[in-house]
Amino acid sequence: MTTFVYNDGGRKLAGRKGDTGDCVTRAVAIASGLPYLEVYNVLAEGNKTQRQTKRTRDSLKGKRTASNGIYVQRKWFKDYMKSIGFEWVPTMQIGQGCTVHLKAEELPKGRLVCNVSKHCVAVIDGVINDTYDCSREGTRCVYGYWIQKPKQENTMTKQTVNKDEVENLKKQGFNDELIKKLFKKETSKTFTVEHARQYAIKVLAVLPALEQNERKRVLLKAIEMNSK
């Protein structure tokens, strides 16, 4: 059984060159199936806009980059992973010791982003997808993993029905109450401050080549166009 396949997550196709610490970008791109640059831009913007500590200032120096590591415990990163359909599963508690190792028989099926010591790696149905086999022959401890939640399948594709369709459903034994439940309109979702922040990060992520004042001009123009 294959336990490792080489996969750079689309880094080379995106035109990125040289050695870099982009393991988080790579792992998320592979597990989610999103384009490498799309993930990179979101993570780079998150790094730049996060609250800086002495540790992050020393390592990232406030730059807009995702090539020198991502602090995966930051709330903005967790929110991003949730927004693209992943759920966090911790596998190691403080003082507990290692309970799960980086090998197929100890990980669930599915698309995972595993957190190990100083590294993140994508695992798909037990197979490591990375630029090298980082399992240390199955002895490397997994601190926890993000797993892609199954997409909900909608059995009903319509939100409304016309009069003839209602009559037809009634002939098949559906009563008024059941028809309303089957075809009720989606309730409006609350748009929170955090939602606004996450969308702002995604918007800024598509403007990586512009200076800050240039981005401001573009955003002001977008506001002007949106108000018309």
Protein backbone atom coordinates (compact mmCIF):
# COMPACT_ATOMS: atom_id res chain seq x y z
CA MET A 1 0.00 0.00 0.00
CA THR A 2 1.31 3.45 -0.94
CA THR A 3 1.91 5.59 2.14
CA PHE A 4 3.48 8.65 0.46
CA VAL A 5 3.12 10.53 -2.82
CA TYR A 6 5.04 13.62 -3.89
CA ASN A 7 2.74 16.65 -4.02
CA ASP A 8 3.74 20.32 -3.86
CA GLY A 9 0.14 21.52 -3.77
CA GLY A 10 0.49 23.41 -7.05
CA ARG A 11 3.43 25.55 -5.90
CA LYS A 12 5.49 24.99 -9.04
CA LEU A 13 2.53 25.60 -11.34
CA ALA A 14 1.92 28.86 -9.48
CA GLY A 15 5.41 30.02 -10.44
CA ARG A 16 6.89 29.87 -6.96
CA LYS A 17 10.56 28.88 -6.81
CA GLY A 18 13.22 27.97 -4.27
CA ASP A 19 13.05 26.42 -0.80
CA THR A 20 10.47 27.88 1.55
CA GLY A 21 8.56 27.20 4.74
CA ASP A 22 5.17 27.03 3.02
CA CYS A 23 4.06 23.69 4.48
CA VAL A 24 0.78 25.11 5.83
CA THR A 25 -0.17 26.65 2.48
CA ARG A 26 0.82 23.45 0.71
CA ALA A 27 -1.11 21.18 3.08
CA VAL A 28 -4.27 23.30 3.01
CA ALA A 29 -4.19 23.60 -0.80
CA ILE A 30 -3.79 19.84 -1.19
CA ALA A 31 -6.44 18.81 1.33
CA SER A 32 -9.01 21.40 0.25
CA GLY A 33 -8.34 21.26 -3.50
CA LEU A 34 -8.11 25.07 -3.60
CA PRO A 35 -5.53 26.78 -5.86
CA TYR A 36 -2.13 27.25 -4.20
CA LEU A 37 -2.01 31.02 -4.77
CA GLU A 38 -5.54 31.51 -3.42
CA VAL A 39 -4.59 29.80 -0.15
CA TYR A 40 -1.19 31.53 -0.03
CA ASN A 41 -2.72 35.00 -0.43
CA VAL A 42 -5.27 34.47 2.34
CA LEU A 43 -2.65 33.13 4.76
CA ALA A 44 -0.15 35.84 3.86
CA GLU A 45 -2.73 38.56 4.51
CA GLY A 46 -3.68 36.89 7.79
CA ASN A 47 -0.03 36.88 8.85
CA LYS A 48 0.35 40.55 8.04
CA THR A 49 -2.81 41.77 9.74
CA GLN A 50 -2.65 39.60 12.88
CA ARG A 51 -1.71 41.17 16.19
CA GLN A 52 2.05 41.11 16.42
CA THR A 53 3.94 39.66 19.37
CA LYS A 54 7.69 39.62 19.96
CA ARG A 55 7.77 36.11 18.57
CA THR A 56 5.92 36.96 15.36
CA ARG A 57 7.85 40.21 14.86
CA ASP A 58 11.12 38.30 15.07
CA SER A 59 10.05 35.55 12.65
CA LEU A 60 7.70 37.33 10.24
CA LYS A 61 8.80 40.95 10.74
CA GLY A 62 5.29 42.13 9.86
CA LYS A 63 5.68 41.16 6.21
CA ARG A 64 2.87 39.93 4.00
CA THR A 65 4.11 36.39 3.51
CA ALA A 66 3.11 32.78 4.07
CA SER A 67 6.55 31.41 3.21
CA ASN A 68 8.09 31.68 6.68
CA GLY A 69 5.52 29.77 8.69
CA ILE A 70 1.96 30.23 9.94
CA TYR A 71 0.95 30.32 13.59
CA VAL A 72 -1.83 27.75 13.27
CA GLN A 73 -3.17 28.40 16.77
CA ARG A 74 -4.26 31.92 15.80
CA LYS A 75 -8.02 32.48 15.74
CA TRP A 76 -7.98 33.92 12.21
CA PHE A 77 -6.40 30.72 10.88
CA LYS A 78 -8.92 28.52 12.70
CA ASP A 79 -11.77 30.65 11.34
CA TYR A 80 -10.37 30.33 7.82
CA MET A 81 -10.16 26.53 8.08
CA LYS A 82 -13.75 26.39 9.30
CA SER A 83 -14.85 28.67 6.46
CA ILE A 84 -13.50 26.24 3.84
CA GLY A 85 -15.23 23.25 5.43
CA PHE A 86 -12.75 21.76 7.90
CA GLU A 87 -13.22 20.70 11.52
CA TRP A 88 -10.45 20.53 14.16
CA VAL A 89 -9.86 17.23 15.97
CA PRO A 90 -7.25 17.35 18.81
CA THR A 91 -5.34 14.11 19.39
CA MET A 92 -2.93 15.11 22.15
CA GLN A 93 -3.66 16.84 25.44
CA ILE A 94 -1.15 18.49 27.79
CA GLY A 95 0.57 15.82 29.86
CA GLN A 96 -1.16 13.01 27.97
CA GLY A 97 1.64 11.89 25.69
CA CYS A 98 1.40 10.82 22.06
CA THR A 99 -1.72 8.85 21.16
CA VAL A 100 -1.79 9.17 17.34
CA HIS A 101 1.10 8.80 14.92
CA LEU A 102 1.44 9.88 11.30
CA LYS A 103 0.42 6.59 9.71
CA ALA A 104 -2.69 5.33 7.95
CA GLU A 105 -3.88 2.85 10.59
CA GLU A 106 -4.06 5.58 13.25
CA LEU A 107 -5.75 8.27 11.15
CA PRO A 108 -9.30 8.36 9.76
CA LYS A 109 -10.19 8.17 6.11
CA GLY A 110 -10.77 11.49 4.41
CA ARG A 111 -8.86 14.67 3.61
CA LEU A 112 -6.77 15.87 6.54
CA VAL A 113 -4.34 18.65 7.43
CA CYS A 114 -2.23 17.18 10.22
CA ASN A 115 -0.29 19.26 12.73
CA VAL A 116 3.00 17.63 13.73
CA SER A 117 6.12 19.10 15.32
CA LYS A 118 7.11 22.24 13.36
CA HIS A 119 5.24 21.03 10.28
CA CYS A 120 1.82 20.62 8.65
CA VAL A 121 1.07 17.90 6.15
CA ALA A 122 -1.88 16.79 4.03
CA VAL A 123 -3.04 13.19 4.41
CA ILE A 124 -5.65 11.84 2.02
CA ASP A 125 -7.20 8.48 2.90
CA GLY A 126 -4.07 7.53 4.85
CA VAL A 127 -1.60 8.62 2.16
CA ILE A 128 0.86 11.44 2.95
CA ASN A 129 0.85 14.13 0.25
CA ASP A 130 3.95 16.29 0.65
CA THR A 131 7.31 17.12 -0.90
CA TYR A 132 8.96 14.46 1.29
CA ASP A 133 7.95 11.60 3.57
CA CYS A 134 7.72 13.36 6.93
CA SER A 135 6.31 10.38 8.86
CA ARG A 136 9.68 9.29 10.34
CA GLU A 137 8.66 5.73 9.45
CA GLY A 138 5.33 6.09 11.24
CA THR A 139 6.76 7.31 14.55
CA ARG A 140 5.98 11.03 14.20
CA CYS A 141 3.36 12.24 16.66
CA VAL A 142 0.21 14.01 15.43
CA TYR A 143 -0.93 16.82 17.75
CA GLY A 144 -4.25 17.13 15.98
CA TYR A 145 -5.74 17.39 12.51
CA TRP A 146 -8.24 19.35 10.45
CA ILE A 147 -10.64 17.04 8.64
CA GLN A 148 -12.83 18.08 5.71
CA LYS A 149 -16.46 17.74 6.66
CA PRO A 150 -18.69 15.90 4.17
CA LYS A 151 -20.73 18.22 1.99
CA GLN A 152 -24.42 18.08 2.73
CA GLU A 153 -26.45 16.82 -0.19
CA ASN A 154 -29.74 18.58 -0.77
CA THR A 155 -32.41 16.11 -1.82
CA MET A 156 -34.72 19.01 -2.70
CA THR A 157 -33.28 21.33 -5.33
CA LYS A 158 -36.19 23.77 -5.40
CA GLN A 159 -37.20 26.34 -2.79
CA THR A 160 -40.73 26.99 -4.11
CA VAL A 161 -43.45 25.10 -5.99
CA ASN A 162 -46.32 26.35 -8.15
CA LYS A 163 -50.02 25.56 -7.72
CA ASP A 164 -50.04 22.60 -10.12
CA GLU A 165 -47.03 21.05 -8.41
CA VAL A 166 -48.71 21.43 -5.02
CA GLU A 167 -51.83 19.65 -6.29
CA ASN A 168 -49.70 16.86 -7.72
CA LEU A 169 -47.88 16.42 -4.41
CA LYS A 170 -51.19 16.24 -2.56
CA LYS A 171 -52.33 13.45 -4.89
CA GLN A 172 -49.18 11.57 -3.87
CA GLY A 173 -50.17 11.86 -0.20
CA PHE A 174 -48.31 15.02 0.88
CA ASN A 175 -50.30 17.32 3.19
CA ASP A 176 -49.96 21.13 3.38
CA GLU A 177 -47.73 21.06 6.48
CA LEU A 178 -45.27 18.60 4.96
CA ILE A 179 -45.10 20.52 1.67
CA LYS A 180 -44.25 23.71 3.58
CA LYS A 181 -41.46 21.92 5.45
CA LEU A 182 -40.00 20.44 2.28
CA PHE A 183 -39.95 23.68 0.36
CA LYS A 184 -39.54 26.31 3.07
CA LYS A 185 -37.25 29.17 2.16
CA GLU A 186 -33.78 29.40 3.62
CA THR A 187 -33.59 31.58 6.70
CA SER A 188 -31.27 34.56 6.53
CA LYS A 189 -27.88 34.07 8.13
CA THR A 190 -26.40 36.49 10.65
CA PHE A 191 -23.48 38.39 9.15
CA THR A 192 -21.12 38.95 12.08
CA VAL A 193 -18.08 41.19 12.54
CA GLU A 194 -15.87 38.10 12.17
CA HIS A 195 -17.56 37.23 8.86
CA ALA A 196 -16.77 40.75 7.65
CA ARG A 197 -13.14 40.37 8.73
CA GLN A 198 -12.72 37.05 6.94
CA TYR A 199 -14.20 38.41 3.70
CA ALA A 200 -11.99 41.48 4.01
CA ILE A 201 -8.92 39.23 4.22
CA LYS A 202 -10.06 37.38 1.08
CA VAL A 203 -10.67 40.65 -0.78
CA LEU A 204 -7.22 42.01 0.11
CA ALA A 205 -5.67 38.68 -0.83
CA VAL A 206 -6.42 39.25 -4.52
CA LEU A 207 -4.48 42.55 -4.49
CA PRO A 208 -1.00 41.31 -3.48
CA ALA A 209 0.95 43.33 -6.06
CA LEU A 210 -0.39 46.73 -4.96
CA GLU A 211 1.02 49.05 -2.34
CA GLN A 212 -1.13 49.91 0.68
CA ASN A 213 -2.18 53.32 -0.68
CA GLU A 214 -3.00 51.75 -4.05
CA ARG A 215 -5.15 49.10 -2.38
CA LYS A 216 -6.97 51.86 -0.49
CA ARG A 217 -7.78 53.62 -3.76
CA VAL A 218 -9.11 50.38 -5.29
CA LEU A 219 -11.28 49.65 -2.24
CA LEU A 220 -12.68 53.20 -2.19
CA LYS A 221 -13.55 52.85 -5.87
CA ALA A 222 -15.25 49.52 -5.14
CA ILE A 223 -17.33 51.19 -2.39
CA GLU A 224 -18.30 53.95 -4.81
CA MET A 225 -19.35 51.42 -7.48
CA ASN A 226 -21.27 49.35 -4.93
CA SER A 227 -23.35 52.34 -3.85
CA LYS A 228 -24.63 53.02 -7.37
